[in-house]
Amino acid sequence: MRCPDHRATTAADADPADGTPGDGCPECEEWQRAAARLRELAGQAPGPSESWTGGLMARLDEALAAAPQETPAEGQSGGPCSAG
């Protein structure tokens, strides 16, 4: 297995608690440590404030209200999976 393959395989499972080594490759081991540190920092980061989230939702509501409303063509339900 080559380094990019190893990294892609372990990226989703890069859990610092499992101690998964980089198969002896110093670059892969360093990458694994960096991935674990990134997960740790991301888990500690605060999310957006309630006022920011409220403002975003209000802007989205305004944009949806201002968007032209399309009606489905005859014979189509208009749903996202309507292959008609």
PDB file of N, CA and C in Angstrom:
ATOM      1  N   MET A   1       0.857  -1.177   0.000  1.00  0.00           N
ATOM      2  CA  MET A   1       0.000   0.000   0.000  1.00  0.00           C
ATOM      3  C   MET A   1       0.899   1.234   0.000  1.00  0.00           C
ATOM      4  N   ARG A   2       0.594   2.167  -0.838  1.00  0.00           N
ATOM      5  CA  ARG A   2       1.364   3.403  -0.928  1.00  0.00           C
ATOM      6  C   ARG A   2       0.812   4.439   0.049  1.00  0.00           C
ATOM      7  N   CYS A   3       1.620   5.462   0.345  1.00  0.00           N
ATOM      8  CA  CYS A   3       1.240   6.474   1.334  1.00  0.00           C
ATOM      9  C   CYS A   3      -0.122   7.117   1.054  1.00  0.00           C
ATOM     10  N   PRO A   4      -0.401   7.616  -0.165  1.00  0.00           N
ATOM     11  CA  PRO A   4      -1.712   8.229  -0.402  1.00  0.00           C
ATOM     12  C   PRO A   4      -2.863   7.267  -0.154  1.00  0.00           C
ATOM     13  N   ASP A   5      -2.671   5.983  -0.518  1.00  0.00           N
ATOM     14  CA  ASP A   5      -3.719   4.986  -0.270  1.00  0.00           C
ATOM     15  C   ASP A   5      -3.933   4.781   1.222  1.00  0.00           C
ATOM     16  N   HIS A   6      -2.827   4.694   1.958  1.00  0.00           N
ATOM     17  CA  HIS A   6      -2.918   4.508   3.407  1.00  0.00           C
ATOM     18  C   HIS A   6      -3.635   5.700   4.045  1.00  0.00           C
ATOM     19  N   ARG A   7      -3.268   6.897   3.640  1.00  0.00           N
ATOM     20  CA  ARG A   7      -3.882   8.099   4.206  1.00  0.00           C
ATOM     21  C   ARG A   7      -5.362   8.157   3.888  1.00  0.00           C
ATOM     22  N   ALA A   8      -5.732   7.848   2.649  1.00  0.00           N
ATOM     23  CA  ALA A   8      -7.147   7.863   2.280  1.00  0.00           C
ATOM     24  C   ALA A   8      -7.931   6.824   3.069  1.00  0.00           C
ATOM     25  N   THR A   9      -7.332   5.660   3.271  1.00  0.00           N
ATOM     26  CA  THR A   9      -7.993   4.586   4.008  1.00  0.00           C
ATOM     27  C   THR A   9      -8.196   4.943   5.470  1.00  0.00           C
ATOM     28  N   THR A  10      -7.198   5.586   6.067  1.00  0.00           N
ATOM     29  CA  THR A  10      -7.277   5.877   7.495  1.00  0.00           C
ATOM     30  C   THR A  10      -7.896   7.237   7.803  1.00  0.00           C
ATOM     31  N   ALA A  11      -8.122   8.079   6.801  1.00  0.00           N
ATOM     32  CA  ALA A  11      -8.623   9.429   7.056  1.00  0.00           C
ATOM     33  C   ALA A  11      -9.955   9.407   7.790  1.00  0.00           C
ATOM     34  N   ALA A  12     -10.858   8.558   7.371  1.00  0.00           N
ATOM     35  CA  ALA A  12     -12.172   8.509   7.995  1.00  0.00           C
ATOM     36  C   ALA A  12     -12.106   7.930   9.399  1.00  0.00           C
ATOM     37  N   ASP A  13     -11.099   7.108   9.665  1.00  0.00           N
ATOM     38  CA  ASP A  13     -10.985   6.439  10.956  1.00  0.00           C
ATOM     39  C   ASP A  13      -9.866   7.002  11.809  1.00  0.00           C
ATOM     40  N   ALA A  14      -9.388   8.189  11.503  1.00  0.00           N
ATOM     41  CA  ALA A  14      -8.226   8.752  12.204  1.00  0.00           C
ATOM     42  C   ALA A  14      -8.599   9.146  13.625  1.00  0.00           C
ATOM     43  N   ASP A  15      -8.719   8.154  14.473  1.00  0.00           N
ATOM     44  CA  ASP A  15      -9.085   8.365  15.865  1.00  0.00           C
ATOM     45  C   ASP A  15      -7.819   8.312  16.708  1.00  0.00           C
ATOM     46  N   PRO A  16      -7.487   9.418  17.391  1.00  0.00           N
ATOM     47  CA  PRO A  16      -6.257   9.419  18.171  1.00  0.00           C
ATOM     48  C   PRO A  16      -6.236   8.352  19.264  1.00  0.00           C
ATOM     49  N   ALA A  17      -7.387   7.867  19.689  1.00  0.00           N
ATOM     50  CA  ALA A  17      -7.439   6.878  20.763  1.00  0.00           C
ATOM     51  C   ALA A  17      -7.104   5.480  20.275  1.00  0.00           C
ATOM     52  N   ASP A  18      -7.219   5.225  18.962  1.00  0.00           N
ATOM     53  CA  ASP A  18      -6.989   3.858  18.496  1.00  0.00           C
ATOM     54  C   ASP A  18      -5.530   3.531  18.249  1.00  0.00           C
ATOM     55  N   GLY A  19      -4.674   4.545  18.198  1.00  0.00           N
ATOM     56  CA  GLY A  19      -3.246   4.317  18.048  1.00  0.00           C
ATOM     57  C   GLY A  19      -2.850   3.698  16.720  1.00  0.00           C
ATOM     58  N   THR A  20      -3.643   3.902  15.671  1.00  0.00           N
ATOM     59  CA  THR A  20      -3.324   3.343  14.362  1.00  0.00           C
ATOM     60  C   THR A  20      -2.000   3.901  13.866  1.00  0.00           C
ATOM     61  N   PRO A  21      -0.999   3.054  13.666  1.00  0.00           N
ATOM     62  CA  PRO A  21       0.291   3.559  13.175  1.00  0.00           C
ATOM     63  C   PRO A  21       0.241   3.815  11.683  1.00  0.00           C
ATOM     64  N   GLY A  22       1.258   4.445  11.168  1.00  0.00           N
ATOM     65  CA  GLY A  22       1.363   4.702   9.745  1.00  0.00           C
ATOM     66  C   GLY A  22       2.107   3.602   9.024  1.00  0.00           C
ATOM     67  N   ASP A  23       1.970   2.378   9.452  1.00  0.00           N
ATOM     68  CA  ASP A  23       2.645   1.227   8.852  1.00  0.00           C
ATOM     69  C   ASP A  23       4.150   1.435   8.765  1.00  0.00           C
ATOM     70  N   GLY A  24       4.723   2.139   9.734  1.00  0.00           N
ATOM     71  CA  GLY A  24       6.157   2.333   9.774  1.00  0.00           C
ATOM     72  C   GLY A  24       6.669   3.470   8.913  1.00  0.00           C
ATOM     73  N   CYS A  25       5.822   4.108   8.159  1.00  0.00           N
ATOM     74  CA  CYS A  25       6.236   5.205   7.298  1.00  0.00           C
ATOM     75  C   CYS A  25       6.220   6.503   8.121  1.00  0.00           C
ATOM     76  N   PRO A  26       7.358   7.170   8.269  1.00  0.00           N
ATOM     77  CA  PRO A  26       7.400   8.395   9.073  1.00  0.00           C
ATOM     78  C   PRO A  26       6.449   9.479   8.554  1.00  0.00           C
ATOM     79  N   GLU A  27       6.318   9.607   7.221  1.00  0.00           N
ATOM     80  CA  GLU A  27       5.399  10.610   6.672  1.00  0.00           C
ATOM     81  C   GLU A  27       3.958  10.283   7.033  1.00  0.00           C
ATOM     82  N   CYS A  28       3.583   9.015   6.928  1.00  0.00           N
ATOM     83  CA  CYS A  28       2.212   8.608   7.254  1.00  0.00           C
ATOM     84  C   CYS A  28       1.935   8.778   8.746  1.00  0.00           C
ATOM     85  N   GLU A  29       2.925   8.469   9.567  1.00  0.00           N
ATOM     86  CA  GLU A  29       2.745   8.638  11.003  1.00  0.00           C
ATOM     87  C   GLU A  29       2.566  10.109  11.356  1.00  0.00           C
ATOM     88  N   GLU A  30       3.333  10.981  10.716  1.00  0.00           N
ATOM     89  CA  GLU A  30       3.189  12.422  10.940  1.00  0.00           C
ATOM     90  C   GLU A  30       1.816  12.898  10.466  1.00  0.00           C
ATOM     91  N   TRP A  31       1.389  12.399   9.314  1.00  0.00           N
ATOM     92  CA  TRP A  31       0.075  12.756   8.788  1.00  0.00           C
ATOM     93  C   TRP A  31      -1.013  12.301   9.758  1.00  0.00           C
ATOM     94  N   GLN A  32      -0.872  11.108  10.310  1.00  0.00           N
ATOM     95  CA  GLN A  32      -1.846  10.573  11.264  1.00  0.00           C
ATOM     96  C   GLN A  32      -1.910  11.458  12.515  1.00  0.00           C
ATOM     97  N   ARG A  33      -0.748  11.891  12.998  1.00  0.00           N
ATOM     98  CA  ARG A  33      -0.730  12.780  14.170  1.00  0.00           C
ATOM     99  C   ARG A  33      -1.395  14.115  13.850  1.00  0.00           C
ATOM    100  N   ALA A  34      -1.133  14.650  12.655  1.00  0.00           N
ATOM    101  CA  ALA A  34      -1.748  15.925  12.258  1.00  0.00           C
ATOM    102  C   ALA A  34      -3.261  15.779  12.120  1.00  0.00           C
ATOM    103  N   ALA A  35      -3.716  14.648  11.568  1.00  0.00           N
ATOM    104  CA  ALA A  35      -5.154  14.417  11.422  1.00  0.00           C
ATOM    105  C   ALA A  35      -5.821  14.319  12.795  1.00  0.00           C
ATOM    106  N   ALA A  36      -5.172  13.654  13.729  1.00  0.00           N
ATOM    107  CA  ALA A  36      -5.709  13.534  15.085  1.00  0.00           C
ATOM    108  C   ALA A  36      -5.774  14.907  15.754  1.00  0.00           C
ATOM    109  N   ARG A  37      -4.739  15.717  15.558  1.00  0.00           N
ATOM    110  CA  ARG A  37      -4.723  17.071  16.146  1.00  0.00           C
ATOM    111  C   ARG A  37      -5.819  17.934  15.537  1.00  0.00           C
ATOM    112  N   LEU A  38      -6.026  17.820  14.237  1.00  0.00           N
ATOM    113  CA  LEU A  38      -7.096  18.579  13.582  1.00  0.00           C
ATOM    114  C   LEU A  38      -8.460  18.183  14.135  1.00  0.00           C
ATOM    115  N   ARG A  39      -8.679  16.870  14.328  1.00  0.00           N
ATOM    116  CA  ARG A  39      -9.955  16.420  14.890  1.00  0.00           C
ATOM    117  C   ARG A  39     -10.140  16.965  16.304  1.00  0.00           C
ATOM    118  N   GLU A  40      -9.069  16.964  17.087  1.00  0.00           N
ATOM    119  CA  GLU A  40      -9.132  17.482  18.455  1.00  0.00           C
ATOM    120  C   GLU A  40      -9.492  18.971  18.447  1.00  0.00           C
ATOM    121  N   LEU A  41      -8.822  19.751  17.611  1.00  0.00           N
ATOM    122  CA  LEU A  41      -9.093  21.193  17.547  1.00  0.00           C
ATOM    123  C   LEU A  41     -10.496  21.475  17.029  1.00  0.00           C
ATOM    124  N   ALA A  42     -10.930  20.726  16.026  1.00  0.00           N
ATOM    125  CA  ALA A  42     -12.271  20.932  15.476  1.00  0.00           C
ATOM    126  C   ALA A  42     -13.342  20.621  16.521  1.00  0.00           C
ATOM    127  N   GLY A  43     -13.083  19.615  17.348  1.00  0.00           N
ATOM    128  CA  GLY A  43     -14.043  19.265  18.385  1.00  0.00           C
ATOM    129  C   GLY A  43     -14.148  20.305  19.485  1.00  0.00           C
ATOM    130  N   GLN A  44     -13.119  21.114  19.648  1.00  0.00           N
ATOM    131  CA  GLN A  44     -13.112  22.142  20.688  1.00  0.00           C
ATOM    132  C   GLN A  44     -13.595  23.495  20.185  1.00  0.00           C
ATOM    133  N   ALA A  45     -13.697  23.651  18.875  1.00  0.00           N
ATOM    134  CA  ALA A  45     -14.057  24.943  18.310  1.00  0.00           C
ATOM    135  C   ALA A  45     -15.518  25.276  18.609  1.00  0.00           C
ATOM    136  N   PRO A  46     -15.777  26.520  19.004  1.00  0.00           N
ATOM    137  CA  PRO A  46     -17.164  26.906  19.237  1.00  0.00           C
ATOM    138  C   PRO A  46     -17.895  27.058  17.913  1.00  0.00           C
ATOM    139  N   GLY A  47     -19.167  26.789  17.935  1.00  0.00           N
ATOM    140  CA  GLY A  47     -19.982  26.978  16.735  1.00  0.00           C
ATOM    141  C   GLY A  47     -20.365  28.440  16.594  1.00  0.00           C
ATOM    142  N   PRO A  48     -21.098  28.757  15.546  1.00  0.00           N
ATOM    143  CA  PRO A  48     -21.532  30.141  15.355  1.00  0.00           C
ATOM    144  C   PRO A  48     -22.514  30.553  16.452  1.00  0.00           C
ATOM    145  N   SER A  49     -22.563  31.862  16.713  1.00  0.00           N
ATOM    146  CA  SER A  49     -23.469  32.365  17.754  1.00  0.00           C
ATOM    147  C   SER A  49     -24.921  32.240  17.305  1.00  0.00           C
ATOM    148  N   GLU A  50     -25.823  32.305  18.263  1.00  0.00           N
ATOM    149  CA  GLU A  50     -27.241  32.231  17.935  1.00  0.00           C
ATOM    150  C   GLU A  50     -27.671  33.406  17.073  1.00  0.00           C
ATOM    151  N   SER A  51     -27.094  34.599  17.315  1.00  0.00           N
ATOM    152  CA  SER A  51     -27.484  35.758  16.509  1.00  0.00           C
ATOM    153  C   SER A  51     -27.003  35.595  15.066  1.00  0.00           C
ATOM    154  N   TRP A  52     -25.799  35.033  14.872  1.00  0.00           N
ATOM    155  CA  TRP A  52     -25.312  34.808  13.513  1.00  0.00           C
ATOM    156  C   TRP A  52     -26.192  33.793  12.792  1.00  0.00           C
ATOM    157  N   THR A  53     -26.517  32.694  13.481  1.00  0.00           N
ATOM    158  CA  THR A  53     -27.367  31.662  12.894  1.00  0.00           C
ATOM    159  C   THR A  53     -28.748  32.222  12.568  1.00  0.00           C
ATOM    160  N   GLY A  54     -29.303  33.030  13.473  1.00  0.00           N
ATOM    161  CA  GLY A  54     -30.610  33.641  13.230  1.00  0.00           C
ATOM    162  C   GLY A  54     -30.582  34.558  12.019  1.00  0.00           C
ATOM    163  N   GLY A  55     -29.509  35.341  11.877  1.00  0.00           N
ATOM    164  CA  GLY A  55     -29.379  36.224  10.716  1.00  0.00           C
ATOM    165  C   GLY A  55     -29.276  35.441   9.423  1.00  0.00           C
ATOM    166  N   LEU A  56     -28.505  34.360   9.444  1.00  0.00           N
ATOM    167  CA  LEU A  56     -28.375  33.522   8.257  1.00  0.00           C
ATOM    168  C   LEU A  56     -29.722  32.928   7.869  1.00  0.00           C
ATOM    169  N   MET A  57     -30.447  32.410   8.849  1.00  0.00           N
ATOM    170  CA  MET A  57     -31.752  31.813   8.556  1.00  0.00           C
ATOM    171  C   MET A  57     -32.720  32.856   8.017  1.00  0.00           C
ATOM    172  N   ALA A  58     -32.673  34.059   8.553  1.00  0.00           N
ATOM    173  CA  ALA A  58     -33.555  35.129   8.057  1.00  0.00           C
ATOM    174  C   ALA A  58     -33.223  35.473   6.607  1.00  0.00           C
ATOM    175  N   ARG A  59     -31.935  35.558   6.281  1.00  0.00           N
ATOM    176  CA  ARG A  59     -31.539  35.848   4.902  1.00  0.00           C
ATOM    177  C   ARG A  59     -31.957  34.728   3.955  1.00  0.00           C
ATOM    178  N   LEU A  60     -31.844  33.498   4.406  1.00  0.00           N
ATOM    179  CA  LEU A  60     -32.291  32.375   3.578  1.00  0.00           C
ATOM    180  C   LEU A  60     -33.799  32.417   3.358  1.00  0.00           C
ATOM    181  N   ASP A  61     -34.542  32.728   4.409  1.00  0.00           N
ATOM    182  CA  ASP A  61     -36.001  32.846   4.278  1.00  0.00           C
ATOM    183  C   ASP A  61     -36.367  33.939   3.286  1.00  0.00           C
ATOM    184  N   GLU A  62     -35.667  35.084   3.361  1.00  0.00           N
ATOM    185  CA  GLU A  62     -35.927  36.178   2.426  1.00  0.00           C
ATOM    186  C   GLU A  62     -35.622  35.765   0.996  1.00  0.00           C
ATOM    187  N   ALA A  63     -34.507  35.073   0.811  1.00  0.00           N
ATOM    188  CA  ALA A  63     -34.131  34.640  -0.537  1.00  0.00           C
ATOM    189  C   ALA A  63     -35.134  33.644  -1.098  1.00  0.00           C
ATOM    190  N   LEU A  64     -35.607  32.743  -0.266  1.00  0.00           N
ATOM    191  CA  LEU A  64     -36.606  31.774  -0.727  1.00  0.00           C
ATOM    192  C   LEU A  64     -37.927  32.455  -1.057  1.00  0.00           C
ATOM    193  N   ALA A  65     -38.310  33.432  -0.251  1.00  0.00           N
ATOM    194  CA  ALA A  65     -39.564  34.146  -0.497  1.00  0.00           C
ATOM    195  C   ALA A  65     -39.478  34.972  -1.777  1.00  0.00           C
ATOM    196  N   ALA A  66     -38.302  35.487  -2.099  1.00  0.00           N
ATOM    197  CA  ALA A  66     -38.131  36.322  -3.287  1.00  0.00           C
ATOM    198  C   ALA A  66     -37.927  35.496  -4.558  1.00  0.00           C
ATOM    199  N   ALA A  67     -37.587  34.231  -4.418  1.00  0.00           N
ATOM    200  CA  ALA A  67     -37.333  33.387  -5.590  1.00  0.00           C
ATOM    201  C   ALA A  67     -38.634  33.092  -6.318  1.00  0.00           C
ATOM    202  N   PRO A  68     -38.581  33.074  -7.648  1.00  0.00           N
ATOM    203  CA  PRO A  68     -39.797  32.742  -8.399  1.00  0.00           C
ATOM    204  C   PRO A  68     -40.230  31.313  -8.089  1.00  0.00           C
ATOM    205  N   GLN A  69     -41.502  31.138  -7.940  1.00  0.00           N
ATOM    206  CA  GLN A  69     -42.044  29.817  -7.644  1.00  0.00           C
ATOM    207  C   GLN A  69     -42.334  29.094  -8.947  1.00  0.00           C
ATOM    208  N   GLU A  70     -41.751  27.934  -9.122  1.00  0.00           N
ATOM    209  CA  GLU A  70     -41.976  27.146 -10.322  1.00  0.00           C
ATOM    210  C   GLU A  70     -43.052  26.119 -10.045  1.00  0.00           C
ATOM    211  N   THR A  71     -43.884  25.883 -11.031  1.00  0.00           N
ATOM    212  CA  THR A  71     -44.891  24.834 -10.914  1.00  0.00           C
ATOM    213  C   THR A  71     -44.435  23.662 -11.761  1.00  0.00           C
ATOM    214  N   PRO A  72     -44.674  22.443 -11.307  1.00  0.00           N
ATOM    215  CA  PRO A  72     -44.245  21.269 -12.072  1.00  0.00           C
ATOM    216  C   PRO A  72     -44.950  21.224 -13.422  1.00  0.00           C
ATOM    217  N   ALA A  73     -44.251  20.706 -14.409  1.00  0.00           N
ATOM    218  CA  ALA A  73     -44.854  20.517 -15.725  1.00  0.00           C
ATOM    219  C   ALA A  73     -45.941  19.460 -15.628  1.00  0.00           C
ATOM    220  N   GLU A  74     -46.851  19.502 -16.543  1.00  0.00           N
ATOM    221  CA  GLU A  74     -47.969  18.557 -16.538  1.00  0.00           C
ATOM    222  C   GLU A  74     -47.444  17.123 -16.543  1.00  0.00           C
ATOM    223  N   GLY A  75     -47.957  16.293 -15.653  1.00  0.00           N
ATOM    224  CA  GLY A  75     -47.542  14.908 -15.563  1.00  0.00           C
ATOM    225  C   GLY A  75     -46.380  14.671 -14.625  1.00  0.00           C
ATOM    226  N   GLN A  76     -45.818  15.720 -14.033  1.00  0.00           N
ATOM    227  CA  GLN A  76     -44.723  15.554 -13.084  1.00  0.00           C
ATOM    228  C   GLN A  76     -45.176  15.959 -11.698  1.00  0.00           C
ATOM    229  N   SER A  77     -44.667  15.249 -10.704  1.00  0.00           N
ATOM    230  CA  SER A  77     -45.046  15.558  -9.331  1.00  0.00           C
ATOM    231  C   SER A  77     -44.294  16.764  -8.794  1.00  0.00           C
ATOM    232  N   GLY A  78     -43.136  17.063  -9.372  1.00  0.00           N
ATOM    233  CA  GLY A  78     -42.347  18.194  -8.894  1.00  0.00           C
ATOM    234  C   GLY A  78     -41.386  17.850  -7.789  1.00  0.00           C
ATOM    235  N   GLY A  79     -41.384  16.609  -7.323  1.00  0.00           N
ATOM    236  CA  GLY A  79     -40.471  16.199  -6.270  1.00  0.00           C
ATOM    237  C   GLY A  79     -39.060  16.040  -6.785  1.00  0.00           C
ATOM    238  N   PRO A  80     -38.085  15.937  -5.895  1.00  0.00           N
ATOM    239  CA  PRO A  80     -36.698  15.858  -6.326  1.00  0.00           C
ATOM    240  C   PRO A  80     -36.376  14.594  -7.114  1.00  0.00           C
ATOM    241  N   CYS A  81     -37.165  13.549  -6.951  1.00  0.00           N
ATOM    242  CA  CYS A  81     -36.878  12.290  -7.652  1.00  0.00           C
ATOM    243  C   CYS A  81     -37.887  12.016  -8.758  1.00  0.00           C
ATOM    244  N   SER A  82     -38.591  13.020  -9.203  1.00  0.00           N
ATOM    245  CA  SER A  82     -39.621  12.787 -10.225  1.00  0.00           C
ATOM    246  C   SER A  82     -38.966  12.689 -11.596  1.00  0.00           C
ATOM    247  N   ALA A  83     -38.837  11.481 -12.061  1.00  0.00           N
ATOM    248  CA  ALA A  83     -38.295  11.260 -13.403  1.00  0.00           C
ATOM    249  C   ALA A  83     -39.486  10.991 -14.303  1.00  0.00           C
ATOM    250  N   GLY A  84     -39.958  12.017 -14.919  1.00  0.00           N
ATOM    251  CA  GLY A  84     -41.199  11.830 -15.610  1.00  0.00           C
ATOM    252  C   GLY A  84     -41.153  12.017 -17.027  1.00  0.00           C
TER     253      GLY A  84
END
